[in-house]
Amino acid sequence: NIYANAGKWKDVAAVRRSMTDRKIKKEPGWSAIEVDKVMY
């Protein structure tokens, strides 16, 4: 993301390719909300 914000797209691709090669998976983001005393 730091590379992307700086517009260094080749470096972005290199990092993501490295993650794929090493089978590193991004931690999924989740959000929870309580409605009628039930968590979603």
Full PDB file with SEQRES, HELIX, SHEET, SSBOND, CRYST1, ORIGX, SCALE, CONECT and MASTER records, all heavy atoms in Angstrom:
SEQRES   1 A   40  ASN ILE TYR ALA ASN ALA GLY LYS TRP LYS ASP VAL ALA          
SEQRES   2 A   40  ALA VAL ARG ARG SER MET THR ASP ARG LYS ILE LYS LYS          
SEQRES   3 A   40  GLU PRO GLY TRP SER ALA ILE GLU VAL ASP LYS VAL MET          
SEQRES   4 A   40  TYR                                                          
HELIX    1 AA1 ILE A    2  ASN A    5  1                                   4    
HELIX    2 AA2 TRP A    9  ASP A   21  1                                  13    
SHEET    1 AA1 2 GLU A  34  VAL A  35  0                                        
SHEET    2 AA1 2 VAL A  38  MET A  39 -1                                        
CRYST1    1.000    1.000    1.000  90.00  90.00  90.00 P 1           1          
ORIGX1      1.000000  0.000000  0.000000        0.00000                         
ORIGX2      0.000000  1.000000  0.000000        0.00000                         
ORIGX3      0.000000  0.000000  1.000000        0.00000                         
SCALE1      1.000000  0.000000  0.000000        0.00000                         
SCALE2      0.000000  1.000000  0.000000        0.00000                         
SCALE3      0.000000  0.000000  1.000000        0.00000                         
ATOM      1  N   ASN A   1       0.822  -1.214   0.000  1.00  0.00           N  
ATOM      2  CA  ASN A   1       0.000   0.000   0.000  1.00  0.00           C  
ATOM      3  C   ASN A   1       0.856   1.264   0.000  1.00  0.00           C  
ATOM      4  O   ASN A   1       0.495   2.271  -0.621  1.00  0.00           O  
ATOM      5  CB  ASN A   1      -0.939   0.003   1.211  1.00  0.00           C  
ATOM      6  CG  ASN A   1      -2.037  -1.039   1.101  1.00  0.00           C  
ATOM      7  OD1 ASN A   1      -2.277  -1.585   0.023  1.00  0.00           O  
ATOM      8  ND2 ASN A   1      -2.679  -1.344   2.207  1.00  0.00           N  
ATOM      9  N   ILE A   2       1.985   1.212   0.714  1.00  0.00           N  
ATOM     10  CA  ILE A   2       2.894   2.373   0.727  1.00  0.00           C  
ATOM     11  C   ILE A   2       3.421   2.632  -0.684  1.00  0.00           C  
ATOM     12  O   ILE A   2       3.466   3.775  -1.157  1.00  0.00           O  
ATOM     13  CB  ILE A   2       4.055   2.133   1.722  1.00  0.00           C  
ATOM     14  CG1 ILE A   2       3.528   2.128   3.162  1.00  0.00           C  
ATOM     15  CG2 ILE A   2       5.136   3.208   1.562  1.00  0.00           C  
ATOM     16  CD1 ILE A   2       4.531   1.632   4.191  1.00  0.00           C  
ATOM     17  N   TYR A   3       3.805   1.555  -1.375  1.00  0.00           N  
ATOM     18  CA  TYR A   3       4.263   1.697  -2.763  1.00  0.00           C  
ATOM     19  C   TYR A   3       3.143   2.228  -3.655  1.00  0.00           C  
ATOM     20  O   TYR A   3       3.367   3.079  -4.525  1.00  0.00           O  
ATOM     21  CB  TYR A   3       4.748   0.348  -3.298  1.00  0.00           C  
ATOM     22  CG  TYR A   3       6.117  -0.066  -2.818  1.00  0.00           C  
ATOM     23  CD1 TYR A   3       6.388  -1.391  -2.458  1.00  0.00           C  
ATOM     24  CD2 TYR A   3       7.160   0.852  -2.742  1.00  0.00           C  
ATOM     25  CE1 TYR A   3       7.644  -1.789  -2.035  1.00  0.00           C  
ATOM     26  CE2 TYR A   3       8.429   0.468  -2.311  1.00  0.00           C  
ATOM     27  CZ  TYR A   3       8.661  -0.849  -1.958  1.00  0.00           C  
ATOM     28  OH  TYR A   3       9.912  -1.231  -1.537  1.00  0.00           O  
ATOM     29  N   ALA A   4       1.915   1.710  -3.445  1.00  0.00           N  
ATOM     30  CA  ALA A   4       0.777   2.130  -4.271  1.00  0.00           C  
ATOM     31  C   ALA A   4       0.487   3.616  -4.092  1.00  0.00           C  
ATOM     32  O   ALA A   4       0.248   4.341  -5.060  1.00  0.00           O  
ATOM     33  CB  ALA A   4      -0.458   1.300  -3.923  1.00  0.00           C  
ATOM     34  N   ASN A   5       0.508   4.073  -2.845  1.00  0.00           N  
ATOM     35  CA  ASN A   5       0.256   5.501  -2.580  1.00  0.00           C  
ATOM     36  C   ASN A   5       1.323   6.391  -3.204  1.00  0.00           C  
ATOM     37  O   ASN A   5       1.066   7.550  -3.528  1.00  0.00           O  
ATOM     38  CB  ASN A   5       0.190   5.750  -1.062  1.00  0.00           C  
ATOM     39  CG  ASN A   5      -1.123   5.289  -0.458  1.00  0.00           C  
ATOM     40  OD1 ASN A   5      -2.177   5.458  -1.058  1.00  0.00           O  
ATOM     41  ND2 ASN A   5      -1.055   4.695   0.719  1.00  0.00           N  
ATOM     42  N   ALA A   6       2.529   5.836  -3.378  1.00  0.00           N  
ATOM     43  CA  ALA A   6       3.623   6.595  -3.995  1.00  0.00           C  
ATOM     44  C   ALA A   6       3.654   6.410  -5.513  1.00  0.00           C  
ATOM     45  O   ALA A   6       4.523   6.973  -6.192  1.00  0.00           O  
ATOM     46  CB  ALA A   6       4.956   6.172  -3.387  1.00  0.00           C  
ATOM     47  N   GLY A   7       2.724   5.593  -6.031  1.00  0.00           N  
ATOM     48  CA  GLY A   7       2.671   5.360  -7.467  1.00  0.00           C  
ATOM     49  C   GLY A   7       3.756   4.435  -7.982  1.00  0.00           C  
ATOM     50  O   GLY A   7       4.035   4.398  -9.185  1.00  0.00           O  
ATOM     51  N   LYS A   8       4.359   3.648  -7.098  1.00  0.00           N  
ATOM     52  CA  LYS A   8       5.448   2.734  -7.501  1.00  0.00           C  
ATOM     53  C   LYS A   8       4.843   1.356  -7.785  1.00  0.00           C  
ATOM     54  O   LYS A   8       4.988   0.406  -6.994  1.00  0.00           O  
ATOM     55  CB  LYS A   8       6.515   2.681  -6.411  1.00  0.00           C  
ATOM     56  CG  LYS A   8       7.097   4.065  -6.076  1.00  0.00           C  
ATOM     57  CD  LYS A   8       8.194   3.999  -5.033  1.00  0.00           C  
ATOM     58  CE  LYS A   8       9.464   3.432  -5.604  1.00  0.00           C  
ATOM     59  NZ  LYS A   8      10.622   3.576  -4.689  1.00  0.00           N  
ATOM     60  N   TRP A   9       4.169   1.247  -8.933  1.00  0.00           N  
ATOM     61  CA  TRP A   9       3.366   0.077  -9.234  1.00  0.00           C  
ATOM     62  C   TRP A   9       4.207  -1.170  -9.487  1.00  0.00           C  
ATOM     63  O   TRP A   9       3.758  -2.292  -9.224  1.00  0.00           O  
ATOM     64  CB  TRP A   9       2.444   0.369 -10.418  1.00  0.00           C  
ATOM     65  CG  TRP A   9       1.518   1.507 -10.098  1.00  0.00           C  
ATOM     66  CD1 TRP A   9       1.564   2.777 -10.588  1.00  0.00           C  
ATOM     67  CD2 TRP A   9       0.444   1.476  -9.156  1.00  0.00           C  
ATOM     68  NE1 TRP A   9       0.577   3.550 -10.022  1.00  0.00           N  
ATOM     69  CE2 TRP A   9      -0.131   2.771  -9.132  1.00  0.00           C  
ATOM     70  CE3 TRP A   9      -0.097   0.484  -8.326  1.00  0.00           C  
ATOM     71  CZ2 TRP A   9      -1.208   3.101  -8.336  1.00  0.00           C  
ATOM     72  CZ3 TRP A   9      -1.172   0.807  -7.533  1.00  0.00           C  
ATOM     73  CH2 TRP A   9      -1.712   2.102  -7.530  1.00  0.00           C  
ATOM     74  N   LYS A  10       5.423  -1.022 -10.003  1.00  0.00           N  
ATOM     75  CA  LYS A  10       6.289  -2.184 -10.198  1.00  0.00           C  
ATOM     76  C   LYS A  10       6.644  -2.824  -8.861  1.00  0.00           C  
ATOM     77  O   LYS A  10       6.702  -4.050  -8.728  1.00  0.00           O  
ATOM     78  CB  LYS A  10       7.559  -1.780 -10.943  1.00  0.00           C  
ATOM     79  CG  LYS A  10       7.340  -1.466 -12.427  1.00  0.00           C  
ATOM     80  CD  LYS A  10       8.664  -1.164 -13.114  1.00  0.00           C  
ATOM     81  CE  LYS A  10       8.431  -0.865 -14.600  1.00  0.00           C  
ATOM     82  NZ  LYS A  10       9.715  -0.549 -15.299  1.00  0.00           N  
ATOM     83  N   ASP A  11       6.889  -1.956  -7.867  1.00  0.00           N  
ATOM     84  CA  ASP A  11       7.206  -2.468  -6.527  1.00  0.00           C  
ATOM     85  C   ASP A  11       5.980  -3.135  -5.900  1.00  0.00           C  
ATOM     86  O   ASP A  11       6.105  -4.124  -5.170  1.00  0.00           O  
ATOM     87  CB  ASP A  11       7.706  -1.340  -5.629  1.00  0.00           C  
ATOM     88  CG  ASP A  11       9.065  -0.812  -6.076  1.00  0.00           C  
ATOM     89  OD1 ASP A  11       9.930  -1.640  -6.387  1.00  0.00           O  
ATOM     90  OD2 ASP A  11       9.237   0.422  -6.123  1.00  0.00           O  
ATOM     91  N   VAL A  12       4.781  -2.554  -6.155  1.00  0.00           N  
ATOM     92  CA  VAL A  12       3.541  -3.164  -5.667  1.00  0.00           C  
ATOM     93  C   VAL A  12       3.423  -4.584  -6.218  1.00  0.00           C  
ATOM     94  O   VAL A  12       3.166  -5.548  -5.480  1.00  0.00           O  
ATOM     95  CB  VAL A  12       2.306  -2.333  -6.097  1.00  0.00           C  
ATOM     96  CG1 VAL A  12       1.010  -3.098  -5.774  1.00  0.00           C  
ATOM     97  CG2 VAL A  12       2.296  -0.981  -5.420  1.00  0.00           C  
ATOM     98  N   ALA A  13       3.632  -4.697  -7.535  1.00  0.00           N  
ATOM     99  CA  ALA A  13       3.515  -6.004  -8.190  1.00  0.00           C  
ATOM    100  C   ALA A  13       4.543  -6.992  -7.637  1.00  0.00           C  
ATOM    101  O   ALA A  13       4.239  -8.177  -7.440  1.00  0.00           O  
ATOM    102  CB  ALA A  13       3.691  -5.839  -9.698  1.00  0.00           C  
ATOM    103  N   ALA A  14       5.751  -6.493  -7.364  1.00  0.00           N  
ATOM    104  CA  ALA A  14       6.806  -7.370  -6.837  1.00  0.00           C  
ATOM    105  C   ALA A  14       6.440  -7.917  -5.465  1.00  0.00           C  
ATOM    106  O   ALA A  14       6.638  -9.106  -5.174  1.00  0.00           O  
ATOM    107  CB  ALA A  14       8.124  -6.602  -6.772  1.00  0.00           C  
ATOM    108  N   VAL A  15       5.896  -7.053  -4.597  1.00  0.00           N  
ATOM    109  CA  VAL A  15       5.507  -7.488  -3.251  1.00  0.00           C  
ATOM    110  C   VAL A  15       4.388  -8.515  -3.330  1.00  0.00           C  
ATOM    111  O   VAL A  15       4.431  -9.565  -2.675  1.00  0.00           O  
ATOM    112  CB  VAL A  15       5.065  -6.282  -2.390  1.00  0.00           C  
ATOM    113  CG1 VAL A  15       4.483  -6.761  -1.061  1.00  0.00           C  
ATOM    114  CG2 VAL A  15       6.236  -5.348  -2.131  1.00  0.00           C  
ATOM    115  N   ARG A  16       3.390  -8.241  -4.139  1.00  0.00           N  
ATOM    116  CA  ARG A  16       2.243  -9.145  -4.226  1.00  0.00           C  
ATOM    117  C   ARG A  16       2.625 -10.462  -4.896  1.00  0.00           C  
ATOM    118  O   ARG A  16       2.106 -11.525  -4.536  1.00  0.00           O  
ATOM    119  CB  ARG A  16       1.095  -8.455  -4.964  1.00  0.00           C  
ATOM    120  CG  ARG A  16       0.651  -7.182  -4.250  1.00  0.00           C  
ATOM    121  CD  ARG A  16      -0.752  -6.773  -4.548  1.00  0.00           C  
ATOM    122  NE  ARG A  16      -1.122  -5.603  -3.744  1.00  0.00           N  
ATOM    123  CZ  ARG A  16      -2.356  -5.161  -3.609  1.00  0.00           C  
ATOM    124  NH1 ARG A  16      -3.345  -5.763  -4.217  1.00  0.00           N  
ATOM    125  NH2 ARG A  16      -2.609  -4.102  -2.869  1.00  0.00           N  
ATOM    126  N   ARG A  17       3.549 -10.403  -5.852  1.00  0.00           N  
ATOM    127  CA  ARG A  17       4.030 -11.627  -6.486  1.00  0.00           C  
ATOM    128  C   ARG A  17       4.792 -12.481  -5.471  1.00  0.00           C  
ATOM    129  O   ARG A  17       4.648 -13.704  -5.421  1.00  0.00           O  
ATOM    130  CB  ARG A  17       4.926 -11.276  -7.679  1.00  0.00           C  
ATOM    131  CG  ARG A  17       5.343 -12.497  -8.515  1.00  0.00           C  
ATOM    132  CD  ARG A  17       5.926 -12.095  -9.863  1.00  0.00           C  
ATOM    133  NE  ARG A  17       6.997 -11.119  -9.729  1.00  0.00           N  
ATOM    134  CZ  ARG A  17       6.915  -9.848 -10.130  1.00  0.00           C  
ATOM    135  NH1 ARG A  17       5.784  -9.381 -10.667  1.00  0.00           N  
ATOM    136  NH2 ARG A  17       7.937  -9.020  -9.977  1.00  0.00           N  
ATOM    137  N   SER A  18       5.580 -11.796  -4.643  1.00  0.00           N  
ATOM    138  CA  SER A  18       6.317 -12.497  -3.588  1.00  0.00           C  
ATOM    139  C   SER A  18       5.369 -13.174  -2.607  1.00  0.00           C  
ATOM    140  O   SER A  18       5.610 -14.305  -2.167  1.00  0.00           O  
ATOM    141  CB  SER A  18       7.225 -11.508  -2.848  1.00  0.00           C  
ATOM    142  OG  SER A  18       7.826 -12.113  -1.732  1.00  0.00           O  
ATOM    143  N   MET A  19       4.275 -12.483  -2.270  1.00  0.00           N  
ATOM    144  CA  MET A  19       3.273 -13.062  -1.364  1.00  0.00           C  
ATOM    145  C   MET A  19       2.639 -14.300  -1.982  1.00  0.00           C  
ATOM    146  O   MET A  19       2.429 -15.313  -1.302  1.00  0.00           O  
ATOM    147  CB  MET A  19       2.190 -12.026  -1.041  1.00  0.00           C  
ATOM    148  CG  MET A  19       2.652 -10.888  -0.154  1.00  0.00           C  
ATOM    149  SD  MET A  19       1.349  -9.660   0.134  1.00  0.00           S  
ATOM    150  CE  MET A  19       0.174 -10.613   1.127  1.00  0.00           C  
ATOM    151  N   THR A  20       2.363 -14.225  -3.277  1.00  0.00           N  
ATOM    152  CA  THR A  20       1.760 -15.374  -3.971  1.00  0.00           C  
ATOM    153  C   THR A  20       2.724 -16.551  -3.999  1.00  0.00           C  
ATOM    154  O   THR A  20       2.345 -17.702  -3.725  1.00  0.00           O  
ATOM    155  CB  THR A  20       1.370 -14.975  -5.408  1.00  0.00           C  
ATOM    156  OG1 THR A  20       0.471 -13.875  -5.363  1.00  0.00           O  
ATOM    157  CG2 THR A  20       0.714 -16.151  -6.131  1.00  0.00           C  
ATOM    158  N   ASP A  21       3.992 -16.273  -4.320  1.00  0.00           N  
ATOM    159  CA  ASP A  21       5.000 -17.331  -4.399  1.00  0.00           C  
ATOM    160  C   ASP A  21       5.183 -18.034  -3.061  1.00  0.00           C  
ATOM    161  O   ASP A  21       5.406 -19.254  -3.005  1.00  0.00           O  
ATOM    162  CB  ASP A  21       6.342 -16.762  -4.878  1.00  0.00           C  
ATOM    163  CG  ASP A  21       6.293 -16.277  -6.322  1.00  0.00           C  
ATOM    164  OD1 ASP A  21       5.344 -16.668  -7.042  1.00  0.00           O  
ATOM    165  OD2 ASP A  21       7.183 -15.492  -6.717  1.00  0.00           O  
ATOM    166  N   ARG A  22       5.121 -17.236  -1.972  1.00  0.00           N  
ATOM    167  CA  ARG A  22       5.329 -17.811  -0.638  1.00  0.00           C  
ATOM    168  C   ARG A  22       4.013 -18.220   0.030  1.00  0.00           C  
ATOM    169  O   ARG A  22       3.980 -18.579   1.199  1.00  0.00           O  
ATOM    170  CB  ARG A  22       6.081 -16.809   0.248  1.00  0.00           C  
ATOM    171  CG  ARG A  22       7.538 -16.646  -0.149  1.00  0.00           C  
ATOM    172  CD  ARG A  22       8.264 -15.725   0.805  1.00  0.00           C  
ATOM    173  NE  ARG A  22       7.847 -14.330   0.669  1.00  0.00           N  
ATOM    174  CZ  ARG A  22       7.968 -13.407   1.623  1.00  0.00           C  
ATOM    175  NH1 ARG A  22       8.474 -13.736   2.792  1.00  0.00           N  
ATOM    176  NH2 ARG A  22       7.582 -12.169   1.412  1.00  0.00           N  
ATOM    177  N   LYS A  23       2.930 -18.128  -0.740  1.00  0.00           N  
ATOM    178  CA  LYS A  23       1.589 -18.526  -0.268  1.00  0.00           C  
ATOM    179  C   LYS A  23       1.182 -17.787   1.008  1.00  0.00           C  
ATOM    180  O   LYS A  23       0.631 -18.373   1.945  1.00  0.00           O  
ATOM    181  CB  LYS A  23       1.537 -20.042  -0.049  1.00  0.00           C  
ATOM    182  CG  LYS A  23       1.753 -20.835  -1.329  1.00  0.00           C  
ATOM    183  CD  LYS A  23       1.695 -22.328  -1.077  1.00  0.00           C  
ATOM    184  CE  LYS A  23       1.925 -23.095  -2.377  1.00  0.00           C  
ATOM    185  NZ  LYS A  23       1.894 -24.562  -2.166  1.00  0.00           N  
ATOM    186  N   ILE A  24       1.510 -16.482   1.032  1.00  0.00           N  
ATOM    187  CA  ILE A  24       1.113 -15.635   2.161  1.00  0.00           C  
ATOM    188  C   ILE A  24      -0.250 -15.035   1.846  1.00  0.00           C  
ATOM    189  O   ILE A  24      -0.413 -14.353   0.836  1.00  0.00           O  
ATOM    190  CB  ILE A  24       2.135 -14.507   2.402  1.00  0.00           C  
ATOM    191  CG1 ILE A  24       3.506 -15.095   2.715  1.00  0.00           C  
ATOM    192  CG2 ILE A  24       1.675 -13.608   3.540  1.00  0.00           C  
ATOM    193  CD1 ILE A  24       4.609 -14.053   2.801  1.00  0.00           C  
ATOM    194  N   LYS A  25      -1.219 -15.309   2.693  1.00  0.00           N  
ATOM    195  CA  LYS A  25      -2.578 -14.813   2.445  1.00  0.00           C  
ATOM    196  C   LYS A  25      -2.876 -13.603   3.320  1.00  0.00           C  
ATOM    197  O   LYS A  25      -2.516 -13.566   4.498  1.00  0.00           O  
ATOM    198  CB  LYS A  25      -3.604 -15.918   2.721  1.00  0.00           C  
ATOM    199  CG  LYS A  25      -3.519 -17.067   1.729  1.00  0.00           C  
ATOM    200  CD  LYS A  25      -4.621 -18.086   1.973  1.00  0.00           C  
ATOM    201  CE  LYS A  25      -4.558 -19.209   0.948  1.00  0.00           C  
ATOM    202  NZ  LYS A  25      -5.633 -20.214   1.173  1.00  0.00           N  
ATOM    203  N   LYS A  26      -3.541 -12.633   2.732  1.00  0.00           N  
ATOM    204  CA  LYS A  26      -3.911 -11.423   3.456  1.00  0.00           C  
ATOM    205  C   LYS A  26      -4.959 -11.740   4.516  1.00  0.00           C  
ATOM    206  O   LYS A  26      -5.902 -12.496   4.268  1.00  0.00           O  
ATOM    207  CB  LYS A  26      -4.465 -10.388   2.465  1.00  0.00           C  
ATOM    208  CG  LYS A  26      -4.908  -9.088   3.102  1.00  0.00           C  
ATOM    209  CD  LYS A  26      -5.471  -8.141   2.059  1.00  0.00           C  
ATOM    210  CE  LYS A  26      -5.995  -6.859   2.703  1.00  0.00           C  
ATOM    211  NZ  LYS A  26      -6.585  -5.950   1.710  1.00  0.00           N  
ATOM    212  N   GLU A  27      -4.770 -11.175   5.701  1.00  0.00           N  
ATOM    213  CA  GLU A  27      -5.747 -11.356   6.779  1.00  0.00           C  
ATOM    214  C   GLU A  27      -7.059 -10.689   6.373  1.00  0.00           C  
ATOM    215  O   GLU A  27      -7.086  -9.504   6.036  1.00  0.00           O  
ATOM    216  CB  GLU A  27      -5.236 -10.726   8.077  1.00  0.00           C  
ATOM    217  CG  GLU A  27      -6.210 -10.867   9.240  1.00  0.00           C  
ATOM    218  CD  GLU A  27      -5.744 -10.149  10.495  1.00  0.00           C  
ATOM    219  OE1 GLU A  27      -4.669  -9.509  10.454  1.00  0.00           O  
ATOM    220  OE2 GLU A  27      -6.462 -10.213  11.511  1.00  0.00           O  
ATOM    221  N   PRO A  28      -8.169 -11.438   6.366  1.00  0.00           N  
ATOM    222  CA  PRO A  28      -9.435 -10.827   5.941  1.00  0.00           C  
ATOM    223  C   PRO A  28      -9.929  -9.799   6.946  1.00  0.00           C  
ATOM    224  O   PRO A  28      -9.871 -10.026   8.162  1.00  0.00           O  
ATOM    225  CB  PRO A  28     -10.392 -12.021   5.856  1.00  0.00           C  
ATOM    226  CG  PRO A  28      -9.818 -13.044   6.784  1.00  0.00           C  
ATOM    227  CD  PRO A  28      -8.333 -12.857   6.744  1.00  0.00           C  
ATOM    228  N   GLY A  29     -10.391  -8.680   6.439  1.00  0.00           N  
ATOM    229  CA  GLY A  29     -10.972  -7.670   7.316  1.00  0.00           C  
ATOM    230  C   GLY A  29     -12.422  -8.002   7.610  1.00  0.00           C  
ATOM    231  O   GLY A  29     -13.168  -8.413   6.718  1.00  0.00           O  
ATOM    232  N   TRP A  30     -12.827  -7.873   8.860  1.00  0.00           N  
ATOM    233  CA  TRP A  30     -14.224  -8.085   9.205  1.00  0.00           C  
ATOM    234  C   TRP A  30     -14.707  -6.965  10.113  1.00  0.00           C  
ATOM    235  O   TRP A  30     -13.919  -6.302  10.795  1.00  0.00           O  
ATOM    236  CB  TRP A  30     -14.458  -9.445   9.866  1.00  0.00           C  
ATOM    237  CG  TRP A  30     -13.675  -9.700  11.140  1.00  0.00           C  
ATOM    238  CD1 TRP A  30     -12.559 -10.431  11.275  1.00  0.00           C  
ATOM    239  CD2 TRP A  30     -13.980  -9.212  12.471  1.00  0.00           C  
ATOM    240  NE1 TRP A  30     -12.123 -10.439  12.576  1.00  0.00           N  
ATOM    241  CE2 TRP A  30     -12.979  -9.699  13.336  1.00  0.00           C  
ATOM    242  CE3 TRP A  30     -14.987  -8.417  13.003  1.00  0.00           C  
ATOM    243  CZ2 TRP A  30     -12.966  -9.415  14.697  1.00  0.00           C  
ATOM    244  CZ3 TRP A  30     -14.976  -8.125  14.370  1.00  0.00           C  
ATOM    245  CH2 TRP A  30     -13.974  -8.634  15.196  1.00  0.00           C  
ATOM    246  N   SER A  31     -15.994  -6.738  10.085  1.00  0.00           N  
ATOM    247  CA  SER A  31     -16.619  -5.753  10.973  1.00  0.00           C  
ATOM    248  C   SER A  31     -17.875  -6.372  11.558  1.00  0.00           C  
ATOM    249  O   SER A  31     -18.557  -7.156  10.889  1.00  0.00           O  
ATOM    250  CB  SER A  31     -16.977  -4.471  10.211  1.00  0.00           C  
ATOM    251  OG  SER A  31     -15.819  -3.819   9.755  1.00  0.00           O  
ATOM    252  N   ALA A  32     -18.166  -6.040  12.810  1.00  0.00           N  
ATOM    253  CA  ALA A  32     -19.339  -6.593  13.496  1.00  0.00           C  
ATOM    254  C   ALA A  32     -20.222  -5.466  14.007  1.00  0.00           C  
ATOM    255  O   ALA A  32     -19.731  -4.387  14.374  1.00  0.00           O  
ATOM    256  CB  ALA A  32     -18.900  -7.484  14.655  1.00  0.00           C  
ATOM    257  N   ILE A  33     -21.524  -5.733  14.018  1.00  0.00           N  
ATOM    258  CA  ILE A  33     -22.485  -4.747  14.517  1.00  0.00           C  
ATOM    259  C   ILE A  33     -23.573  -5.485  15.282  1.00  0.00           C  
ATOM    260  O   ILE A  33     -23.958  -6.604  14.921  1.00  0.00           O  
ATOM    261  CB  ILE A  33     -23.085  -3.923  13.348  1.00  0.00           C  
ATOM    262  CG1 ILE A  33     -24.036  -2.836  13.890  1.00  0.00           C  
ATOM    263  CG2 ILE A  33     -23.781  -4.812  12.331  1.00  0.00           C  
ATOM    264  CD1 ILE A  33     -24.495  -1.847  12.828  1.00  0.00           C  
ATOM    265  N   GLU A  34     -24.056  -4.882  16.351  1.00  0.00           N  
ATOM    266  CA  GLU A  34     -25.112  -5.472  17.168  1.00  0.00           C  
ATOM    267  C   GLU A  34     -26.446  -4.847  16.783  1.00  0.00           C  
ATOM    268  O   GLU A  34     -26.609  -3.629  16.807  1.00  0.00           O  
ATOM    269  CB  GLU A  34     -24.833  -5.235  18.655  1.00  0.00           C  
ATOM    270  CG  GLU A  34     -25.866  -5.863  19.580  1.00  0.00           C  
ATOM    271  CD  GLU A  34     -25.640  -5.496  21.042  1.00  0.00           C  
ATOM    272  OE1 GLU A  34     -25.104  -4.396  21.300  1.00  0.00           O  
ATOM    273  OE2 GLU A  34     -26.006  -6.293  21.911  1.00  0.00           O  
ATOM    274  N   VAL A  35     -27.398  -5.687  16.396  1.00  0.00           N  
ATOM    275  CA  VAL A  35     -28.751  -5.237  16.063  1.00  0.00           C  
ATOM    276  C   VAL A  35     -29.741  -6.136  16.784  1.00  0.00           C  
ATOM    277  O   VAL A  35     -29.705  -7.364  16.620  1.00  0.00           O  
ATOM    278  CB  VAL A  35     -29.007  -5.273  14.535  1.00  0.00           C  
ATOM    279  CG1 VAL A  35     -30.460  -4.905  14.232  1.00  0.00           C  
ATOM    280  CG2 VAL A  35     -28.062  -4.332  13.807  1.00  0.00           C  
ATOM    281  N   ASP A  36     -30.607  -5.551  17.592  1.00  0.00           N  
ATOM    282  CA  ASP A  36     -31.593  -6.309  18.374  1.00  0.00           C  
ATOM    283  C   ASP A  36     -30.932  -7.405  19.207  1.00  0.00           C  
ATOM    284  O   ASP A  36     -31.391  -8.557  19.238  1.00  0.00           O  
ATOM    285  CB  ASP A  36     -32.661  -6.918  17.454  1.00  0.00           C  
ATOM    286  CG  ASP A  36     -33.499  -5.858  16.765  1.00  0.00           C  
ATOM    287  OD1 ASP A  36     -33.679  -4.769  17.355  1.00  0.00           O  
ATOM    288  OD2 ASP A  36     -33.944  -6.096  15.631  1.00  0.00           O  
ATOM    289  N   LYS A  37     -29.805  -7.029  19.823  1.00  0.00           N  
ATOM    290  CA  LYS A  37     -29.065  -7.906  20.741  1.00  0.00           C  
ATOM    291  C   LYS A  37     -28.472  -9.144  20.058  1.00  0.00           C  
ATOM    292  O   LYS A  37     -28.134 -10.134  20.704  1.00  0.00           O  
ATOM    293  CB  LYS A  37     -29.944  -8.331  21.920  1.00  0.00           C  
ATOM    294  CG  LYS A  37     -30.508  -7.156  22.704  1.00  0.00           C  
ATOM    295  CD  LYS A  37     -31.461  -7.597  23.778  1.00  0.00           C  
ATOM    296  CE  LYS A  37     -32.144  -6.407  24.425  1.00  0.00           C  
ATOM    297  NZ  LYS A  37     -33.018  -5.687  23.504  1.00  0.00           N  
ATOM    298  N   VAL A  38     -28.344  -9.082  18.735  1.00  0.00           N  
ATOM    299  CA  VAL A  38     -27.702 -10.147  17.962  1.00  0.00           C  
ATOM    300  C   VAL A  38     -26.513  -9.547  17.235  1.00  0.00           C  
ATOM    301  O   VAL A  38     -26.601  -8.450  16.673  1.00  0.00           O  
ATOM    302  CB  VAL A  38     -28.682 -10.776  16.938  1.00  0.00           C  
ATOM    303  CG1 VAL A  38     -27.966 -11.824  16.089  1.00  0.00           C  
ATOM    304  CG2 VAL A  38     -29.867 -11.405  17.658  1.00  0.00           C  
ATOM    305  N   MET A  39     -25.363 -10.261  17.257  1.00  0.00           N  
ATOM    306  CA  MET A  39     -24.169  -9.772  16.587  1.00  0.00           C  
ATOM    307  C   MET A  39     -24.132 -10.269  15.139  1.00  0.00           C  
ATOM    308  O   MET A  39     -24.348 -11.452  14.883  1.00  0.00           O  
ATOM    309  CB  MET A  39     -22.910 -10.253  17.316  1.00  0.00           C  
ATOM    310  CG  MET A  39     -22.757  -9.748  18.735  1.00  0.00           C  
ATOM    311  SD  MET A  39     -22.753  -7.946  18.892  1.00  0.00           S  
ATOM    312  CE  MET A  39     -21.332  -7.504  17.892  1.00  0.00           C  
ATOM    313  N   TYR A  40     -23.894  -9.351  14.205  1.00  0.00           N  
ATOM    314  CA  TYR A  40     -23.750  -9.684  12.786  1.00  0.00           C  
ATOM    315  C   TYR A  40     -22.341  -9.301  12.353  1.00  0.00           C  
ATOM    316  O   TYR A  40     -21.874  -8.203  12.648  1.00  0.00           O  
ATOM    317  CB  TYR A  40     -24.767  -8.924  11.933  1.00  0.00           C  
ATOM    318  CG  TYR A  40     -26.214  -9.283  12.204  1.00  0.00           C  
ATOM    319  CD1 TYR A  40     -26.928  -8.666  13.239  1.00  0.00           C  
ATOM    320  CD2 TYR A  40     -26.869 -10.244  11.432  1.00  0.00           C  
ATOM    321  CE1 TYR A  40     -28.253  -8.991  13.488  1.00  0.00           C  
ATOM    322  CE2 TYR A  40     -28.198 -10.580  11.674  1.00  0.00           C  
ATOM    323  CZ  TYR A  40     -28.887  -9.944  12.701  1.00  0.00           C  
ATOM    324  OH  TYR A  40     -30.197 -10.273  12.950  1.00  0.00           O  
TER     325      TYR A  40                                                      
MASTER        0    0    0    2    2    0    0    6  324    1    0    4          
END                                                                             
